[in-house]
Structures are given as C-alpha cells and as structure tokens.
Amino acid sequence: MAKKKDLTTKTESELQKVIREKRLALRDFYFDLAGGKVTNVKKGKNIKKEVARIMTAWRKKELMENK
C-alpha cells in the first residue's frame, strides 16, 4: 500500500508509471477472478483504492505547479 509520504516525493512520471502498473495488476486480478483463481477478493478493492490515492497525489502536484 502506498503511503502518502512516499507519493508526495515521487515525480509525475513516476506516479504515472505506478498507476500503469496498478491498473495492469487490477486487470490481471479481474482475469484471475473470472477464471476462479482468486482466493482474496478484497485485493481488487484495495488496488482500486491505491490507484485513486496515486491519482489524487498526481492531481495535487499538477495544481501546485499551476499556482
């Protein structure tokens, strides 16, 4: 799980890379879920929350640059 402090120190390109990785992980989770391989169904919810946290940090950086 990404900590707020870790996210604020990363650059925008690093945040975009992490978002891409998390979205791929979410896609793989859904494929595994459909195939019946998943035992922890909370994992999908947690990945979606992490993506939202990262996107929020990214947006905050954008707004701080514009000021």
PDB file of N, CA and C in Angstrom:
ATOM      1  N   MET A   1       0.838  -1.169   0.000  1.00  0.00           N
ATOM      2  CA  MET A   1       0.000   0.000   0.000  1.00  0.00           C
ATOM      3  C   MET A   1       0.883   1.233   0.000  1.00  0.00           C
ATOM      4  N   ALA A   2       0.548   2.167  -0.850  1.00  0.00           N
ATOM      5  CA  ALA A   2       1.348   3.378  -0.985  1.00  0.00           C
ATOM      6  C   ALA A   2       1.038   4.349   0.152  1.00  0.00           C
ATOM      7  N   LYS A   3       2.083   4.836   0.772  1.00  0.00           N
ATOM      8  CA  LYS A   3       1.928   5.805   1.844  1.00  0.00           C
ATOM      9  C   LYS A   3       1.895   7.204   1.249  1.00  0.00           C
ATOM     10  N   LYS A   4       1.225   8.108   1.922  1.00  0.00           N
ATOM     11  CA  LYS A   4       1.095   9.476   1.432  1.00  0.00           C
ATOM     12  C   LYS A   4       2.465  10.134   1.290  1.00  0.00           C
ATOM     13  N   LYS A   5       3.347   9.870   2.242  1.00  0.00           N
ATOM     14  CA  LYS A   5       4.679  10.468   2.212  1.00  0.00           C
ATOM     15  C   LYS A   5       5.462   9.977   0.996  1.00  0.00           C
ATOM     16  N   ASP A   6       5.316   8.704   0.666  1.00  0.00           N
ATOM     17  CA  ASP A   6       6.006   8.148  -0.496  1.00  0.00           C
ATOM     18  C   ASP A   6       5.497   8.767  -1.794  1.00  0.00           C
ATOM     19  N   LEU A   7       4.201   9.006  -1.854  1.00  0.00           N
ATOM     20  CA  LEU A   7       3.612   9.535  -3.079  1.00  0.00           C
ATOM     21  C   LEU A   7       3.991  10.990  -3.316  1.00  0.00           C
ATOM     22  N   THR A   8       4.133  11.762  -2.253  1.00  0.00           N
ATOM     23  CA  THR A   8       4.444  13.177  -2.428  1.00  0.00           C
ATOM     24  C   THR A   8       5.881  13.397  -2.873  1.00  0.00           C
ATOM     25  N   THR A   9       6.761  12.441  -2.632  1.00  0.00           N
ATOM     26  CA  THR A   9       8.163  12.609  -3.018  1.00  0.00           C
ATOM     27  C   THR A   9       8.432  12.164  -4.454  1.00  0.00           C
ATOM     28  N   LYS A  10       7.504  11.458  -5.069  1.00  0.00           N
ATOM     29  CA  LYS A  10       7.711  10.962  -6.428  1.00  0.00           C
ATOM     30  C   LYS A  10       7.365  12.031  -7.459  1.00  0.00           C
ATOM     31  N   THR A  11       7.998  11.930  -8.620  1.00  0.00           N
ATOM     32  CA  THR A  11       7.711  12.854  -9.712  1.00  0.00           C
ATOM     33  C   THR A  11       6.450  12.398 -10.437  1.00  0.00           C
ATOM     34  N   GLU A  12       5.955  13.267 -11.331  1.00  0.00           N
ATOM     35  CA  GLU A  12       4.733  12.934 -12.061  1.00  0.00           C
ATOM     36  C   GLU A  12       4.927  11.704 -12.945  1.00  0.00           C
ATOM     37  N   SER A  13       6.085  11.605 -13.573  1.00  0.00           N
ATOM     38  CA  SER A  13       6.317  10.447 -14.447  1.00  0.00           C
ATOM     39  C   SER A  13       6.380   9.147 -13.636  1.00  0.00           C
ATOM     40  N   GLU A  14       6.948   9.212 -12.442  1.00  0.00           N
ATOM     41  CA  GLU A  14       6.980   8.024 -11.581  1.00  0.00           C
ATOM     42  C   GLU A  14       5.571   7.646 -11.145  1.00  0.00           C
ATOM     43  N   LEU A  15       4.745   8.644 -10.835  1.00  0.00           N
ATOM     44  CA  LEU A  15       3.363   8.370 -10.436  1.00  0.00           C
ATOM     45  C   LEU A  15       2.593   7.742 -11.594  1.00  0.00           C
ATOM     46  N   GLN A  16       2.805   8.246 -12.803  1.00  0.00           N
ATOM     47  CA  GLN A  16       2.131   7.672 -13.967  1.00  0.00           C
ATOM     48  C   GLN A  16       2.543   6.217 -14.163  1.00  0.00           C
ATOM     49  N   LYS A  17       3.814   5.936 -13.945  1.00  0.00           N
ATOM     50  CA  LYS A  17       4.311   4.565 -14.088  1.00  0.00           C
ATOM     51  C   LYS A  17       3.651   3.643 -13.061  1.00  0.00           C
ATOM     52  N   VAL A  18       3.526   4.122 -11.826  1.00  0.00           N
ATOM     53  CA  VAL A  18       2.902   3.320 -10.768  1.00  0.00           C
ATOM     54  C   VAL A  18       1.424   3.092 -11.082  1.00  0.00           C
ATOM     55  N   ILE A  19       0.751   4.126 -11.596  1.00  0.00           N
ATOM     56  CA  ILE A  19      -0.662   3.983 -11.965  1.00  0.00           C
ATOM     57  C   ILE A  19      -0.812   2.914 -13.041  1.00  0.00           C
ATOM     58  N   ARG A  20       0.053   2.962 -14.039  1.00  0.00           N
ATOM     59  CA  ARG A  20       0.012   1.971 -15.112  1.00  0.00           C
ATOM     60  C   ARG A  20       0.187   0.556 -14.558  1.00  0.00           C
ATOM     61  N   GLU A  21       1.149   0.401 -13.653  1.00  0.00           N
ATOM     62  CA  GLU A  21       1.399  -0.917 -13.063  1.00  0.00           C
ATOM     63  C   GLU A  21       0.198  -1.403 -12.257  1.00  0.00           C
ATOM     64  N   LYS A  22      -0.397  -0.506 -11.480  1.00  0.00           N
ATOM     65  CA  LYS A  22      -1.546  -0.892 -10.655  1.00  0.00           C
ATOM     66  C   LYS A  22      -2.746  -1.254 -11.519  1.00  0.00           C
ATOM     67  N   ARG A  23      -2.955  -0.513 -12.608  1.00  0.00           N
ATOM     68  CA  ARG A  23      -4.077  -0.822 -13.492  1.00  0.00           C
ATOM     69  C   ARG A  23      -3.876  -2.175 -14.175  1.00  0.00           C
ATOM     70  N   LEU A  24      -2.639  -2.484 -14.526  1.00  0.00           N
ATOM     71  CA  LEU A  24      -2.363  -3.810 -15.093  1.00  0.00           C
ATOM     72  C   LEU A  24      -2.607  -4.900 -14.048  1.00  0.00           C
ATOM     73  N   ALA A  25      -2.232  -4.629 -12.809  1.00  0.00           N
ATOM     74  CA  ALA A  25      -2.474  -5.590 -11.734  1.00  0.00           C
ATOM     75  C   ALA A  25      -3.971  -5.791 -11.524  1.00  0.00           C
ATOM     76  N   LEU A  26      -4.739  -4.709 -11.640  1.00  0.00           N
ATOM     77  CA  LEU A  26      -6.192  -4.805 -11.488  1.00  0.00           C
ATOM     78  C   LEU A  26      -6.793  -5.620 -12.630  1.00  0.00           C
ATOM     79  N   ARG A  27      -6.292  -5.390 -13.836  1.00  0.00           N
ATOM     80  CA  ARG A  27      -6.773  -6.158 -14.983  1.00  0.00           C
ATOM     81  C   ARG A  27      -6.481  -7.643 -14.797  1.00  0.00           C
ATOM     82  N   ASP A  28      -5.269  -7.951 -14.371  1.00  0.00           N
ATOM     83  CA  ASP A  28      -4.907  -9.349 -14.118  1.00  0.00           C
ATOM     84  C   ASP A  28      -5.768  -9.957 -13.019  1.00  0.00           C
ATOM     85  N   PHE A  29      -6.079  -9.147 -12.008  1.00  0.00           N
ATOM     86  CA  PHE A  29      -6.935  -9.623 -10.927  1.00  0.00           C
ATOM     87  C   PHE A  29      -8.310 -10.019 -11.466  1.00  0.00           C
ATOM     88  N   TYR A  30      -8.877  -9.167 -12.334  1.00  0.00           N
ATOM     89  CA  TYR A  30     -10.202  -9.470 -12.872  1.00  0.00           C
ATOM     90  C   TYR A  30     -10.184 -10.721 -13.751  1.00  0.00           C
ATOM     91  N   PHE A  31      -9.105 -10.914 -14.510  1.00  0.00           N
ATOM     92  CA  PHE A  31      -8.997 -12.137 -15.303  1.00  0.00           C
ATOM     93  C   PHE A  31      -8.907 -13.365 -14.401  1.00  0.00           C
ATOM     94  N   ASP A  32      -8.118 -13.258 -13.353  1.00  0.00           N
ATOM     95  CA  ASP A  32      -7.994 -14.373 -12.415  1.00  0.00           C
ATOM     96  C   ASP A  32      -9.307 -14.624 -11.676  1.00  0.00           C
ATOM     97  N   LEU A  33     -10.022 -13.553 -11.373  1.00  0.00           N
ATOM     98  CA  LEU A  33     -11.309 -13.684 -10.700  1.00  0.00           C
ATOM     99  C   LEU A  33     -12.299 -14.438 -11.584  1.00  0.00           C
ATOM    100  N   ALA A  34     -12.313 -14.094 -12.860  1.00  0.00           N
ATOM    101  CA  ALA A  34     -13.207 -14.779 -13.795  1.00  0.00           C
ATOM    102  C   ALA A  34     -12.803 -16.240 -13.971  1.00  0.00           C
ATOM    103  N   GLY A  35     -11.514 -16.515 -13.867  1.00  0.00           N
ATOM    104  CA  GLY A  35     -11.026 -17.886 -14.022  1.00  0.00           C
ATOM    105  C   GLY A  35     -11.127 -18.711 -12.759  1.00  0.00           C
ATOM    106  N   GLY A  36     -11.496 -18.088 -11.652  1.00  0.00           N
ATOM    107  CA  GLY A  36     -11.657 -18.808 -10.399  1.00  0.00           C
ATOM    108  C   GLY A  36     -10.370 -19.040  -9.640  1.00  0.00           C
ATOM    109  N   LYS A  37      -9.327 -18.277  -9.950  1.00  0.00           N
ATOM    110  CA  LYS A  37      -8.041 -18.470  -9.288  1.00  0.00           C
ATOM    111  C   LYS A  37      -7.869 -17.616  -8.032  1.00  0.00           C
ATOM    112  N   VAL A  38      -8.753 -16.654  -7.829  1.00  0.00           N
ATOM    113  CA  VAL A  38      -8.593 -15.692  -6.735  1.00  0.00           C
ATOM    114  C   VAL A  38      -9.173 -16.247  -5.443  1.00  0.00           C
ATOM    115  N   THR A  39      -8.396 -16.124  -4.366  1.00  0.00           N
ATOM    116  CA  THR A  39      -8.900 -16.520  -3.057  1.00  0.00           C
ATOM    117  C   THR A  39      -9.186 -15.301  -2.192  1.00  0.00           C
ATOM    118  N   ASN A  40      -8.503 -14.186  -2.447  1.00  0.00           N
ATOM    119  CA  ASN A  40      -8.701 -12.961  -1.679  1.00  0.00           C
ATOM    120  C   ASN A  40      -9.411 -11.940  -2.567  1.00  0.00           C
ATOM    121  N   VAL A  41     -10.725 -11.836  -2.424  1.00  0.00           N
ATOM    122  CA  VAL A  41     -11.491 -10.946  -3.288  1.00  0.00           C
ATOM    123  C   VAL A  41     -11.363  -9.481  -2.886  1.00  0.00           C
ATOM    124  N   LYS A  42     -10.836  -9.205  -1.704  1.00  0.00           N
ATOM    125  CA  LYS A  42     -10.633  -7.821  -1.272  1.00  0.00           C
ATOM    126  C   LYS A  42      -9.482  -7.152  -2.024  1.00  0.00           C
ATOM    127  N   LYS A  43      -8.658  -7.944  -2.650  1.00  0.00           N
ATOM    128  CA  LYS A  43      -7.480  -7.422  -3.340  1.00  0.00           C
ATOM    129  C   LYS A  43      -7.872  -6.412  -4.426  1.00  0.00           C
ATOM    130  N   GLY A  44      -8.934  -6.683  -5.159  1.00  0.00           N
ATOM    131  CA  GLY A  44      -9.389  -5.772  -6.212  1.00  0.00           C
ATOM    132  C   GLY A  44      -9.794  -4.426  -5.653  1.00  0.00           C
ATOM    133  N   LYS A  45     -10.496  -4.442  -4.550  1.00  0.00           N
ATOM    134  CA  LYS A  45     -10.919  -3.201  -3.901  1.00  0.00           C
ATOM    135  C   LYS A  45      -9.706  -2.402  -3.435  1.00  0.00           C
ATOM    136  N   ASN A  46      -8.730  -3.094  -2.872  1.00  0.00           N
ATOM    137  CA  ASN A  46      -7.526  -2.421  -2.386  1.00  0.00           C
ATOM    138  C   ASN A  46      -6.723  -1.808  -3.529  1.00  0.00           C
ATOM    139  N   ILE A  47      -6.637  -2.505  -4.651  1.00  0.00           N
ATOM    140  CA  ILE A  47      -5.898  -1.974  -5.796  1.00  0.00           C
ATOM    141  C   ILE A  47      -6.593  -0.722  -6.328  1.00  0.00           C
ATOM    142  N   LYS A  48      -7.918  -0.749  -6.407  1.00  0.00           N
ATOM    143  CA  LYS A  48      -8.652   0.427  -6.882  1.00  0.00           C
ATOM    144  C   LYS A  48      -8.439   1.618  -5.963  1.00  0.00           C
ATOM    145  N   LYS A  49      -8.398   1.377  -4.667  1.00  0.00           N
ATOM    146  CA  LYS A  49      -8.156   2.459  -3.716  1.00  0.00           C
ATOM    147  C   LYS A  49      -6.752   3.028  -3.877  1.00  0.00           C
ATOM    148  N   GLU A  50      -5.775   2.161  -4.107  1.00  0.00           N
ATOM    149  CA  GLU A  50      -4.403   2.624  -4.304  1.00  0.00           C
ATOM    150  C   GLU A  50      -4.300   3.491  -5.553  1.00  0.00           C
ATOM    151  N   VAL A  51      -4.968   3.081  -6.633  1.00  0.00           N
ATOM    152  CA  VAL A  51      -4.961   3.879  -7.861  1.00  0.00           C
ATOM    153  C   VAL A  51      -5.569   5.249  -7.585  1.00  0.00           C
ATOM    154  N   ALA A  52      -6.650   5.288  -6.836  1.00  0.00           N
ATOM    155  CA  ALA A  52      -7.291   6.561  -6.508  1.00  0.00           C
ATOM    156  C   ALA A  52      -6.364   7.441  -5.678  1.00  0.00           C
ATOM    157  N   ARG A  53      -5.658   6.860  -4.729  1.00  0.00           N
ATOM    158  CA  ARG A  53      -4.717   7.636  -3.911  1.00  0.00           C
ATOM    159  C   ARG A  53      -3.599   8.224  -4.763  1.00  0.00           C
ATOM    160  N   ILE A  54      -3.082   7.422  -5.660  1.00  0.00           N
ATOM    161  CA  ILE A  54      -1.982   7.878  -6.508  1.00  0.00           C
ATOM    162  C   ILE A  54      -2.465   8.980  -7.445  1.00  0.00           C
ATOM    163  N   MET A  55      -3.656   8.812  -8.005  1.00  0.00           N
ATOM    164  CA  MET A  55      -4.194   9.832  -8.902  1.00  0.00           C
ATOM    165  C   MET A  55      -4.458  11.133  -8.158  1.00  0.00           C
ATOM    166  N   THR A  56      -4.874  11.042  -6.904  1.00  0.00           N
ATOM    167  CA  THR A  56      -5.090  12.235  -6.093  1.00  0.00           C
ATOM    168  C   THR A  56      -3.778  12.962  -5.856  1.00  0.00           C
ATOM    169  N   ALA A  57      -2.727  12.229  -5.540  1.00  0.00           N
ATOM    170  CA  ALA A  57      -1.412  12.840  -5.327  1.00  0.00           C
ATOM    171  C   ALA A  57      -0.906  13.480  -6.613  1.00  0.00           C
ATOM    172  N   TRP A  58      -1.143  12.816  -7.729  1.00  0.00           N
ATOM    173  CA  TRP A  58      -0.723  13.340  -9.029  1.00  0.00           C
ATOM    174  C   TRP A  58      -1.450  14.649  -9.332  1.00  0.00           C
ATOM    175  N   ARG A  59      -2.744  14.675  -9.096  1.00  0.00           N
ATOM    176  CA  ARG A  59      -3.546  15.879  -9.350  1.00  0.00           C
ATOM    177  C   ARG A  59      -3.104  17.019  -8.435  1.00  0.00           C
ATOM    178  N   LYS A  60      -2.785  16.713  -7.194  1.00  0.00           N
ATOM    179  CA  LYS A  60      -2.299  17.726  -6.254  1.00  0.00           C
ATOM    180  C   LYS A  60      -1.017  18.366  -6.768  1.00  0.00           C
ATOM    181  N   LYS A  61      -0.121  17.544  -7.304  1.00  0.00           N
ATOM    182  CA  LYS A  61       1.130  18.061  -7.865  1.00  0.00           C
ATOM    183  C   LYS A  61       0.849  18.990  -9.040  1.00  0.00           C
ATOM    184  N   GLU A  62      -0.106  18.605  -9.901  1.00  0.00           N
ATOM    185  CA  GLU A  62      -0.471  19.447 -11.042  1.00  0.00           C
ATOM    186  C   GLU A  62      -0.986  20.800 -10.576  1.00  0.00           C
ATOM    187  N   LEU A  63      -1.840  20.792  -9.577  1.00  0.00           N
ATOM    188  CA  LEU A  63      -2.415  22.039  -9.084  1.00  0.00           C
ATOM    189  C   LEU A  63      -1.367  22.920  -8.422  1.00  0.00           C
ATOM    190  N   MET A  64      -0.411  22.311  -7.731  1.00  0.00           N
ATOM    191  CA  MET A  64       0.647  23.088  -7.086  1.00  0.00           C
ATOM    192  C   MET A  64       1.568  23.734  -8.119  1.00  0.00           C
ATOM    193  N   GLU A  65       1.775  23.081  -9.251  1.00  0.00           N
ATOM    194  CA  GLU A  65       2.614  23.645 -10.303  1.00  0.00           C
ATOM    195  C   GLU A  65       1.958  24.854 -10.949  1.00  0.00           C
ATOM    196  N   ASN A  66       0.636  24.821 -11.071  1.00  0.00           N
ATOM    197  CA  ASN A  66      -0.083  25.908 -11.732  1.00  0.00           C
ATOM    198  C   ASN A  66      -0.185  27.159 -10.879  1.00  0.00           C
ATOM    199  N   LYS A  67       0.035  27.035  -9.587  1.00  0.00           N
ATOM    200  CA  LYS A  67      -0.080  28.207  -8.708  1.00  0.00           C
ATOM    201  C   LYS A  67       1.148  29.029  -8.714  1.00  0.00           C
TER     202      LYS A  67
END
